[in-house]
Structures are given as structure tokens and as C-alpha cells.
Amino acid sequence: MSEGTKILHVTGGEPTINPEFFDLLNHLIETGDSKNITLEVTTNATKIHPRFFDTVKKFKELTLTISMDGVDKTYEYVRYPARFDVVFENIKKYSAFVKTLGGNSKLKFNFVLQMWNLHNAVDVVKRLTPWAVNELSAPVRFEELHDPKFMHWSILPQYNIKKVIKQTIEEQRRDNDKLTNWGLIALGRMLKTIKSHKTKDKEYLLHQLKKFTNTQDRHRKIDLVDYIPHLVGLIR
């Protein structure tokens, strides 16, 4: 069944907590096919399974993508109830491990831009890029959240967006390494598409956002003000 397989791509949910994930990998190891397979795994890095390192190093190569939607308190709001300090320590461990694999094994990050984390995007690039491994084109890959529509970054007030555009430009003028600058350039280009995202139902979307946020915060028993205080005025 696995004969001829060159790439195995596994995403989630969170594959590293799924017993069937390890059953599959162990099957490929037992058949001897693992040595010819590049394993691509996407993880949220909230935990590192004790079996992960010993298992995946038996494959030809590993491409590890870590999904991150912010750093510090912004991350903790978007990915509640995860703790950023725990995840960041896991990122360091994953990075060190991938470096030991050598060859073309790599670690990179995926960042989904949305209204909750736009203000945090520059910090994401600067904090995470140094922990990427062997990824020379996009250590931090940007995507946009389109669903639900009321969380798209373009519903933010113009001054919020312009502030981040200015921050991105200013950071590009600093003495950053090449890969960090490439991430900042990619972010800047995405933000320049703001004109194409104009919508006539912005007030309705903001109403949906407020309703959703207040319901979610009550359910979680947290308050936005403790995580992203500058957005409180938009929501309340």
C-alpha cells in the first residue's frame, strides 16, 4: 500500500496526539518504506509527544510546519487556552531537533492573518524567523483568514492598518537578517491589497464580531482587555 510513496503529508487537528498517526509511521518503518519518504507534519506545538523525535528521525526527511497565530498575549487569546511560553519552549526544542537531522529536513511556520493578530504580525516575523530551519523562501508563511468574514483583517479601522504598514516599512529599514526582511516584505505586500477588500457591509460584520466575541469571552471566562486591550473599543 505504501510502496512508491515519496511524500506523506499529515495535518490536523493535531496529528501528534492521534495514536493512529504513530501506528501509520511505525508501519512504514517496519516495512522499510520510511527511509524513502519525506514526512510533512503540521503541528500547533502545544505539546511534544514523547515518541515523536525517535519515530520521525527514521524517515528520509522531515518538513515540520508549526501553526502560529501570534506571539505573547495575542497568541494566547487567539489560541486559548494555550500558553505562549510553553509553546515557545517547544518551538525551540523542535528547531534544535530538526537541525540534528541534517540534509533537507526543515522547520517553518504558518501564520493566518486576521483582525485579532494584525498588530502582532511584525513581532511574529521577528520572533519566529530565527527558529526556522533550512527554509530559505518563506520561514513564516502568510495566509489570510476569510471565514468567518467578520474576522478578516480588513474590517479593522484604517488607522490600525496604516499603523502596521508603517511599522512594517520601518522594520525593513532596520538591521534585520535577510530572511526576516523577506517576511516583512511579504507582510507589506499583503497589506497593500487593502483596497481590494472594501466592503459595503462593514457595520454588519462588526456587529457580528461584537456578538461573537462577547459570547466567546463569556464562555471562556476571560476578557479581551487582558489580552488585546487596544481592540476593546472596536468590540464593546
Protein backbone atom coordinates (compact mmCIF):
# COMPACT_ATOMS: atom_id res chain seq x y z
CA MET A 1 0.00 0.00 0.00
CA SER A 2 2.87 2.41 0.79
CA GLU A 3 5.15 1.16 -1.97
CA GLY A 4 6.30 4.05 -4.14
CA THR A 5 5.18 6.73 -1.68
CA LYS A 6 7.61 9.65 -1.76
CA ILE A 7 5.83 12.23 0.39
CA LEU A 8 3.45 11.72 3.31
CA HIS A 9 1.63 14.90 4.33
CA VAL A 10 -0.12 14.83 7.71
CA THR A 11 -2.11 17.72 9.13
CA GLY A 12 -4.85 18.09 11.71
CA GLY A 13 -6.46 18.55 14.04
CA GLU A 14 -3.24 17.84 15.87
CA PRO A 15 -1.64 14.68 14.42
CA THR A 16 0.94 14.21 17.17
CA ILE A 17 -1.76 13.35 19.74
CA ASN A 18 -3.51 10.86 17.45
CA PRO A 19 -2.46 7.22 18.14
CA GLU A 20 -3.27 6.33 14.53
CA PHE A 21 -0.60 8.77 13.37
CA PHE A 22 2.08 6.77 15.16
CA ASP A 23 0.53 3.48 14.04
CA LEU A 24 0.93 4.62 10.44
CA LEU A 25 4.51 5.82 10.93
CA ASN A 26 5.51 2.61 12.69
CA HIS A 27 4.00 0.57 9.86
CA LEU A 28 6.13 2.48 7.35
CA ILE A 29 9.21 1.94 9.50
CA GLU A 30 8.53 -1.79 9.81
CA THR A 31 8.09 -2.19 6.04
CA GLY A 32 11.30 -0.27 5.41
CA ASP A 33 9.47 2.36 3.34
CA SER A 34 10.15 5.19 5.77
CA LYS A 35 13.73 5.62 4.56
CA ASN A 36 12.40 6.67 1.15
CA ILE A 37 9.63 9.00 2.39
CA THR A 38 9.69 12.71 3.15
CA LEU A 39 7.35 13.23 6.10
CA GLU A 40 5.45 16.51 6.21
CA VAL A 41 3.78 17.24 9.54
CA THR A 42 1.79 20.29 10.65
CA THR A 43 1.58 20.83 14.41
CA ASN A 44 0.40 23.52 16.82
CA ALA A 45 3.39 22.79 19.10
CA THR A 46 1.31 22.90 22.27
CA LYS A 47 2.80 19.53 23.21
CA ILE A 48 5.62 17.28 22.06
CA HIS A 49 4.73 13.60 22.11
CA PRO A 50 7.49 11.52 23.79
CA ARG A 51 7.59 9.19 20.77
CA PHE A 52 7.78 11.90 18.13
CA PHE A 53 11.52 12.50 17.84
CA ASP A 54 12.55 8.83 17.88
CA THR A 55 9.89 7.95 15.31
CA VAL A 56 10.24 10.69 12.69
CA LYS A 57 14.03 10.54 12.55
CA LYS A 58 13.65 7.16 10.82
CA PHE A 59 12.24 8.86 7.74
CA LYS A 60 14.24 10.16 4.80
CA GLU A 61 13.44 13.80 5.62
CA LEU A 62 11.09 15.82 7.81
CA THR A 63 9.28 19.03 6.94
CA LEU A 64 7.72 20.37 10.12
CA THR A 65 5.24 23.25 9.88
CA ILE A 66 4.23 24.96 13.11
CA SER A 67 0.93 26.86 13.07
CA MET A 68 1.24 30.13 14.97
CA ASP A 69 -1.35 32.91 15.12
CA GLY A 70 0.62 35.41 17.16
CA VAL A 71 3.10 35.76 19.99
CA ASP A 72 2.67 36.52 23.69
CA LYS A 73 -0.83 37.56 24.84
CA THR A 74 -2.19 37.84 21.31
CA TYR A 75 -1.35 34.19 20.70
CA GLU A 76 -2.99 33.21 23.98
CA TYR A 77 -6.22 34.96 23.02
CA VAL A 78 -6.43 33.51 19.51
CA ARG A 79 -5.33 30.02 20.61
CA TYR A 80 -6.95 29.96 24.05
CA PRO A 81 -6.25 28.12 26.38
CA ALA A 82 -2.72 27.51 25.05
CA ARG A 83 0.18 29.27 26.81
CA PHE A 84 2.73 31.04 24.66
CA ASP A 85 5.67 30.39 26.99
CA VAL A 86 5.07 26.63 26.78
CA VAL A 87 4.65 26.68 23.01
CA PHE A 88 7.75 28.83 22.51
CA GLU A 89 9.87 26.39 24.50
CA ASN A 90 8.50 23.57 22.34
CA ILE A 91 9.41 25.56 19.22
CA LYS A 92 12.99 25.78 20.45
CA LYS A 93 13.07 22.02 21.04
CA TYR A 94 11.60 21.27 17.63
CA SER A 95 14.10 23.62 15.99
CA ALA A 96 17.07 22.02 17.72
CA PHE A 97 15.82 18.55 16.78
CA VAL A 98 15.31 19.34 13.09
CA LYS A 99 18.85 20.72 12.93
CA THR A 100 20.18 17.35 14.08
CA LEU A 101 18.51 15.63 11.11
CA GLY A 102 20.66 17.43 8.57
CA GLY A 103 20.04 17.09 4.85
CA ASN A 104 16.95 18.85 3.53
CA SER A 105 14.84 18.48 6.68
CA LYS A 106 13.26 21.79 7.57
CA LEU A 107 11.07 23.68 10.03
CA LYS A 108 8.85 26.58 9.05
CA PHE A 109 5.88 28.50 10.40
CA ASN A 110 2.37 29.19 9.13
CA PHE A 111 0.66 32.40 10.21
CA VAL A 112 -3.00 33.10 9.47
CA LEU A 113 -3.52 36.87 9.34
CA GLN A 114 -6.79 38.08 10.85
CA MET A 115 -8.18 41.09 12.69
CA TRP A 116 -7.08 39.68 16.05
CA ASN A 117 -3.40 39.49 15.18
CA LEU A 118 -2.66 42.12 12.53
CA HIS A 119 -1.00 44.34 15.15
CA ASN A 120 1.17 41.37 16.16
CA ALA A 121 2.31 40.32 12.68
CA VAL A 122 5.67 42.15 12.65
CA ASP A 123 6.57 40.67 16.03
CA VAL A 124 5.64 37.21 14.72
CA VAL A 125 8.09 37.55 11.83
CA LYS A 126 10.88 38.83 14.06
CA ARG A 127 10.38 36.31 16.87
CA LEU A 128 9.80 33.16 14.83
CA THR A 129 12.07 33.50 11.81
CA PRO A 130 15.27 32.74 13.79
CA TRP A 131 13.85 29.34 14.79
CA ALA A 132 13.10 28.20 11.25
CA VAL A 133 15.45 25.60 9.78
CA ASN A 134 16.52 25.25 6.12
CA GLU A 135 13.58 27.33 4.87
CA LEU A 136 15.09 29.96 2.60
CA SER A 137 11.99 31.22 0.81
CA ALA A 138 9.29 31.69 3.47
CA PRO A 139 10.27 30.84 7.08
CA VAL A 140 6.98 32.45 8.13
CA ARG A 141 4.28 31.81 5.53
CA PHE A 142 1.30 34.17 5.50
CA GLU A 143 -2.29 33.22 4.81
CA GLU A 144 -5.49 35.22 5.26
CA LEU A 145 -8.49 34.18 7.32
CA HIS A 146 -11.54 34.54 5.06
CA ASP A 147 -14.13 32.60 7.03
CA PRO A 148 -15.76 33.89 9.13
CA LYS A 149 -15.72 37.08 7.11
CA PHE A 150 -16.09 39.24 10.21
CA MET A 151 -12.61 38.23 11.36
CA HIS A 152 -10.83 39.32 8.18
CA TRP A 153 -8.12 41.89 8.93
CA SER A 154 -9.65 44.43 6.52
CA ILE A 155 -12.58 45.16 8.85
CA LEU A 156 -10.22 46.98 11.19
CA PRO A 157 -10.25 50.78 11.11
CA GLN A 158 -7.94 52.31 8.51
CA TYR A 159 -5.67 53.83 11.13
CA ASN A 160 -4.97 50.37 12.61
CA ILE A 161 -3.98 49.02 9.22
CA LYS A 162 -1.89 52.08 8.28
CA LYS A 163 -0.09 51.82 11.62
CA VAL A 164 1.01 48.27 10.85
CA ILE A 165 2.01 49.21 7.29
CA LYS A 166 4.18 51.99 8.73
CA GLN A 167 5.65 49.60 11.29
CA THR A 168 6.45 47.10 8.54
CA ILE A 169 8.26 49.74 6.47
CA GLU A 170 10.22 51.00 9.47
CA GLU A 171 11.29 47.48 10.40
CA GLN A 172 12.57 46.85 6.88
CA ARG A 173 14.97 49.78 7.38
CA ARG A 174 16.45 48.21 10.50
CA ASP A 175 19.43 45.88 10.58
CA ASN A 176 17.47 42.63 10.23
CA ASP A 177 18.75 39.47 8.60
CA LYS A 178 17.69 38.71 5.02
CA LEU A 179 15.03 36.12 5.91
CA THR A 180 13.36 38.42 8.43
CA ASN A 181 13.24 41.19 5.84
CA TRP A 182 11.69 38.84 3.31
CA GLY A 183 8.94 38.06 5.81
CA LEU A 184 8.35 41.77 6.40
CA ILE A 185 8.19 42.39 2.65
CA ALA A 186 5.62 39.59 2.24
CA LEU A 187 3.52 41.09 5.03
CA GLY A 188 3.73 44.55 3.49
CA ARG A 189 2.60 43.27 0.10
CA MET A 190 -0.39 41.53 1.66
CA LEU A 191 -1.45 44.70 3.46
CA LYS A 192 -1.25 46.70 0.23
CA THR A 193 -4.23 44.72 -1.04
CA ILE A 194 -6.49 46.60 1.38
CA LYS A 195 -8.25 48.46 -1.46
CA SER A 196 -9.48 45.18 -2.91
CA HIS A 197 -11.13 44.25 0.39
CA LYS A 198 -13.51 47.19 0.69
CA THR A 199 -16.97 46.06 1.67
CA LYS A 200 -20.33 47.77 1.99
CA ASP A 201 -21.48 45.59 4.90
CA LYS A 202 -18.71 46.55 7.33
CA GLU A 203 -21.12 47.69 10.04
CA TYR A 204 -22.96 44.39 9.86
CA LEU A 205 -19.69 42.47 10.07
CA LEU A 206 -18.63 44.49 13.11
CA HIS A 207 -21.97 43.71 14.73
CA GLN A 208 -21.37 40.01 14.12
CA LEU A 209 -17.85 40.32 15.50
CA LYS A 210 -19.04 42.00 18.70
CA LYS A 211 -21.73 39.39 19.27
CA PHE A 212 -19.33 36.53 18.66
CA THR A 213 -16.55 37.99 20.81
CA ASN A 214 -18.74 38.74 23.80
CA THR A 215 -20.30 35.27 23.67
CA GLN A 216 -16.92 33.60 23.30
CA ASP A 217 -15.34 35.57 26.15
CA ARG A 218 -18.21 34.70 28.47
CA HIS A 219 -17.85 31.04 27.58
CA ARG A 220 -14.10 31.10 28.14
CA LYS A 221 -14.45 33.26 31.27
CA ILE A 222 -11.81 35.67 30.02
CA ASP A 223 -11.81 39.32 28.94
CA LEU A 224 -10.35 40.73 25.73
CA VAL A 225 -8.96 43.69 27.67
CA ASP A 226 -6.46 41.38 29.37
CA TYR A 227 -5.08 40.16 26.03
CA ILE A 228 -5.52 42.75 23.27
CA PRO A 229 -6.64 45.93 25.05
CA HIS A 230 -6.39 48.26 22.04
CA LEU A 231 -9.18 46.33 20.27
CA VAL A 232 -11.67 46.66 23.12
CA GLY A 233 -13.01 49.96 21.75
CA LEU A 234 -13.84 48.27 18.46
CA ILE A 235 -15.68 45.40 20.10
CA ARG A 236 -17.53 46.95 23.03
